[in-house]
């Protein structure tokens, strides 16, 4: 029926994420009220990730792949998703309550938008404590994990560029904007992002050059789209 709510696919890539996966999945269960599925792609974990995912009592599909990295895992998740709406959640993060309804409302109010996107708030250990605590500030981060995305946007933009193990979500968001996909910004926290010793972004020597490559690629695309003066025109100037 036309008034039936859209199916939400919650896409969870995980690699050796047993320490936090149950909390991530539980945050989805507590927040979603409409029809949903969770799809977990295990990127070759060697810990208890598989047992935790398979034993969780929510509509969940589990897929195991050889270790290939986050971008490959996210692309596999898109292939497996059945929903009209797509939401990503990394296995070490969690959703705040009300996240889905806020972003769904934004898309309903702005049907011209391909995605709605909120703000990120960090979860950190304070003074070496075992428990994680939310910091006070939040910000609009360039991350697909703060967003709710219409499925047809991926048909238009494509998947994540696996040439960027780090920064591929920034690259995807930039490509979406370049193709005219409209974004609806929401002034609300839609992701609790956990900072810990195994974050990919901890390695600044890898992360910062990757982001610079992403930005350089975006600049090159825009220059090509705008067109450049011919050799003769440059010589005549």
Protein backbone atom coordinates (compact mmCIF):
# COMPACT_ATOMS: atom_id res chain seq x y z
CA UNK A 1 0.00 0.00 0.00
CA UNK A 2 1.11 3.56 -0.74
CA UNK A 3 1.01 4.66 2.89
CA UNK A 4 3.12 1.81 4.22
CA UNK A 5 6.39 3.02 5.78
CA UNK A 6 9.56 2.40 3.79
CA UNK A 7 11.84 -0.45 4.77
CA UNK A 8 15.02 0.80 6.45
CA UNK A 9 18.25 -1.12 5.84
CA UNK A 10 20.77 -0.59 8.63
CA UNK A 11 24.18 -1.49 7.23
CA UNK A 12 26.89 -2.50 9.69
CA UNK A 13 30.45 -3.23 8.53
CA UNK A 14 32.61 -4.86 11.19
CA UNK A 15 36.15 -6.11 11.56
CA UNK A 16 37.12 -7.59 14.92
CA UNK A 17 34.38 -5.52 16.54
CA UNK A 18 33.19 -7.92 19.23
CA UNK A 19 33.89 -5.43 22.02
CA UNK A 20 31.24 -2.95 20.83
CA UNK A 21 29.03 -4.71 18.28
CA UNK A 22 26.27 -5.74 20.69
CA UNK A 23 25.89 -2.16 21.94
CA UNK A 24 25.72 -0.86 18.37
CA UNK A 25 23.02 -3.36 17.39
CA UNK A 26 21.08 -2.71 20.58
CA UNK A 27 21.03 1.04 19.84
CA UNK A 28 19.30 0.24 16.54
CA UNK A 29 16.75 -2.02 18.20
CA UNK A 30 15.90 0.66 20.75
CA UNK A 31 15.50 3.43 18.18
CA UNK A 32 13.73 2.01 15.14
CA UNK A 33 9.94 1.76 15.28
CA UNK A 34 9.11 1.02 11.63
CA UNK A 35 10.04 -1.91 9.40
CA UNK A 36 13.77 -2.51 9.27
CA UNK A 37 16.51 -5.00 8.60
CA UNK A 38 20.08 -5.08 9.84
CA UNK A 39 22.75 -6.35 7.48
CA UNK A 40 26.18 -7.12 8.94
CA UNK A 41 29.19 -7.66 6.70
CA UNK A 42 32.04 -9.21 8.63
CA UNK A 43 35.33 -8.17 7.02
CA UNK A 44 37.23 -11.30 8.03
CA UNK A 45 37.05 -10.98 11.83
CA UNK A 46 39.03 -13.40 14.00
CA UNK A 47 37.28 -12.56 17.30
CA UNK A 48 33.71 -13.33 18.49
CA UNK A 49 32.05 -10.98 16.00
CA UNK A 50 30.22 -13.77 14.12
CA UNK A 51 28.73 -15.29 17.27
CA UNK A 52 27.50 -11.91 18.52
CA UNK A 53 25.91 -10.98 15.18
CA UNK A 54 24.27 -14.35 14.61
CA UNK A 55 22.95 -14.52 18.16
CA UNK A 56 21.26 -11.12 18.17
CA UNK A 57 17.45 -11.23 18.33
CA UNK A 58 16.58 -8.68 15.63
CA UNK A 59 15.90 -9.07 11.89
CA UNK A 60 19.54 -9.51 10.91
CA UNK A 61 21.46 -10.98 7.99
CA UNK A 62 25.13 -11.84 8.39
CA UNK A 63 27.65 -12.04 5.55
CA UNK A 64 31.33 -12.97 5.85
CA UNK A 65 33.99 -11.80 3.43
CA UNK A 66 37.76 -12.14 3.31
CA UNK A 67 39.41 -9.10 4.87
CA UNK A 68 39.32 -6.38 2.20
CA UNK A 69 38.74 -3.12 4.06
CA UNK A 70 35.90 -0.83 5.02
CA UNK A 71 35.09 0.53 1.55
CA UNK A 72 34.70 -2.97 0.12
CA UNK A 73 32.55 -4.02 3.09
CA UNK A 74 30.27 -1.00 2.67
CA UNK A 75 29.85 -1.70 -1.04
CA UNK A 76 28.91 -5.29 -0.26
CA UNK A 77 26.35 -4.01 2.25
CA UNK A 78 24.74 -1.82 -0.41
CA UNK A 79 24.46 -4.87 -2.68
CA UNK A 80 22.74 -6.87 0.07
CA UNK A 81 20.38 -4.15 1.27
CA UNK A 82 16.67 -4.50 0.43
CA UNK A 83 15.38 -1.23 1.87
CA UNK A 84 14.30 1.99 0.24
CA UNK A 85 16.20 3.89 2.94
CA UNK A 86 19.84 3.25 3.84
CA UNK A 87 21.62 4.00 7.11
CA UNK A 88 25.19 3.09 7.98
CA UNK A 89 26.39 2.29 11.48
CA UNK A 90 29.97 1.29 12.23
CA UNK A 91 30.24 -1.52 14.74
CA UNK A 92 32.02 0.59 17.37
CA UNK A 93 29.51 3.46 17.30
CA UNK A 94 25.88 3.78 18.40
CA UNK A 95 22.71 5.67 17.57
CA UNK A 96 21.09 8.16 19.96
CA UNK A 97 17.39 7.74 20.65
CA UNK A 98 15.17 9.49 18.13
CA UNK A 99 17.79 9.37 15.40
CA UNK A 100 15.76 7.58 12.76
CA UNK A 101 12.53 9.53 13.27
CA UNK A 102 14.37 12.88 13.06
CA UNK A 103 16.07 11.99 9.78
CA UNK A 104 12.96 10.36 8.30
CA UNK A 105 10.96 13.49 9.10
CA UNK A 106 13.54 15.65 7.35
CA UNK A 107 13.29 13.54 4.19
CA UNK A 108 9.50 13.59 4.32
CA UNK A 109 9.50 17.38 4.64
CA UNK A 110 12.05 17.75 1.83
CA UNK A 111 11.18 15.17 -0.83
CA UNK A 112 13.63 16.85 -3.21
CA UNK A 113 16.52 15.77 -0.96
CA UNK A 114 18.38 12.52 -1.46
CA UNK A 115 19.65 12.36 2.08
CA UNK A 116 19.22 13.94 5.48
CA UNK A 117 22.23 14.42 7.72
CA UNK A 118 22.69 15.33 11.36
CA UNK A 119 25.53 15.98 13.76
CA UNK A 120 28.18 13.81 15.39
CA UNK A 121 29.00 13.61 19.09
CA UNK A 122 32.03 11.78 20.43
CA UNK A 123 32.16 8.97 22.97
CA UNK A 124 35.50 9.03 24.80
CA UNK A 125 37.25 7.47 27.74
CA UNK A 126 37.91 10.05 30.45
CA UNK A 127 41.21 9.74 32.34
CA UNK A 128 41.71 6.16 31.18
CA UNK A 129 38.38 4.91 32.54
CA UNK A 130 36.80 1.73 31.17
CA UNK A 131 33.47 3.45 30.52
CA UNK A 132 32.90 5.79 27.58
CA UNK A 133 31.38 9.22 28.18
CA UNK A 134 29.74 11.64 25.72
CA UNK A 135 31.61 14.91 25.27
CA UNK A 136 29.55 18.10 25.28
CA UNK A 137 30.22 19.47 21.80
CA UNK A 138 28.89 18.12 18.50
CA UNK A 139 29.56 19.07 14.90
CA UNK A 140 28.44 18.42 11.34
CA UNK A 141 30.95 15.80 10.19
CA UNK A 142 31.41 14.64 6.57
CA UNK A 143 30.36 11.07 7.33
CA UNK A 144 27.72 8.80 5.82
CA UNK A 145 27.13 7.43 9.32
CA UNK A 146 25.32 10.62 10.39
CA UNK A 147 22.91 10.36 7.44
CA UNK A 148 19.77 8.66 6.18
CA UNK A 149 20.04 8.05 2.43
CA UNK A 150 17.46 7.20 -0.20
CA UNK A 151 18.38 3.98 -2.02
CA UNK A 152 18.15 5.57 -5.47
CA UNK A 153 20.97 7.98 -4.59
CA UNK A 154 23.41 5.06 -4.75
CA UNK A 155 22.06 4.16 -8.18
CA UNK A 156 22.92 7.71 -9.25
CA UNK A 157 26.26 8.23 -7.46
CA UNK A 158 27.53 4.65 -7.37
CA UNK A 159 29.30 2.96 -4.50
CA UNK A 160 32.36 3.85 -2.48
CA UNK A 161 35.70 4.22 -4.26
CA UNK A 162 37.89 1.40 -2.95
CA UNK A 163 40.99 3.34 -4.00
CA UNK A 164 40.41 5.30 -0.77
CA UNK A 165 40.59 2.93 2.23
CA UNK A 166 40.37 6.10 4.35
CA UNK A 167 38.18 8.99 3.27
CA UNK A 168 35.95 7.07 0.87
CA UNK A 169 32.80 8.35 2.58
CA UNK A 170 34.00 11.95 2.18
CA UNK A 171 34.68 11.19 -1.47
CA UNK A 172 31.18 9.73 -1.88
CA UNK A 173 29.50 12.74 -0.29
CA UNK A 174 31.48 15.10 -2.52
CA UNK A 175 30.50 13.13 -5.63
CA UNK A 176 26.87 13.20 -4.54
CA UNK A 177 26.93 16.99 -4.24
CA UNK A 178 28.67 17.35 -7.60
CA UNK A 179 25.88 15.33 -9.21
CA UNK A 180 23.26 17.65 -7.73
CA UNK A 181 22.00 15.44 -4.91
CA UNK A 182 20.27 17.73 -2.41
CA UNK A 183 21.14 17.38 1.29
CA UNK A 184 18.83 18.19 4.19
CA UNK A 185 20.83 19.27 7.25
CA UNK A 186 19.36 18.51 10.68
CA UNK A 187 20.49 20.34 13.81
CA UNK A 188 20.45 17.23 15.98
CA UNK A 189 22.96 14.58 17.02
CA UNK A 190 22.43 11.47 14.89
CA UNK A 191 25.60 9.52 15.77
CA UNK A 192 27.62 8.76 18.86
CA UNK A 193 31.13 8.27 17.45
CA UNK A 194 33.40 6.22 19.69
CA UNK A 195 37.05 7.23 19.98
CA UNK A 196 39.31 4.35 20.98
CA UNK A 197 42.75 2.93 20.33
CA UNK A 198 41.75 1.07 17.15
CA UNK A 199 40.06 3.88 15.17
CA UNK A 200 41.22 4.02 11.54
CA UNK A 201 41.69 7.77 11.86
CA UNK A 202 44.26 7.36 14.63
CA UNK A 203 47.03 6.93 12.05
CA UNK A 204 47.44 10.55 10.97
CA UNK A 205 50.26 9.62 8.58
CA UNK A 206 47.75 7.55 6.59
CA UNK A 207 44.52 9.46 7.20
CA UNK A 208 45.55 13.02 6.32
CA UNK A 209 47.23 12.17 2.98
CA UNK A 210 44.16 10.09 2.07
CA UNK A 211 41.86 13.06 2.68
CA UNK A 212 44.15 15.30 0.63
CA UNK A 213 43.91 12.79 -2.24
CA UNK A 214 40.13 12.82 -1.94
CA UNK A 215 40.04 16.62 -2.13
CA UNK A 216 42.53 16.70 -5.01
CA UNK A 217 40.39 14.24 -6.94
CA UNK A 218 37.31 16.39 -6.31
CA UNK A 219 39.09 19.52 -7.55
CA UNK A 220 40.19 17.68 -10.68
CA UNK A 221 36.64 16.52 -11.39
CA UNK A 222 35.30 20.05 -11.06
CA UNK A 223 37.97 21.44 -13.37
CA UNK A 224 37.19 18.78 -15.95
CA UNK A 225 33.47 19.48 -15.65
CA UNK A 226 34.00 23.22 -16.09
CA UNK A 227 36.29 22.68 -19.06
CA UNK A 228 39.77 24.09 -19.50
CA UNK A 229 41.04 26.51 -22.15
CA UNK A 230 42.51 24.87 -25.21
CA UNK A 231 46.29 24.90 -25.72
CA UNK A 232 45.97 27.49 -28.52
CA UNK A 233 43.80 29.75 -26.36
CA UNK A 234 46.37 29.62 -23.58
CA UNK A 235 49.17 30.39 -26.04
CA UNK A 236 47.23 33.32 -27.54
CA UNK A 237 46.55 34.89 -24.15
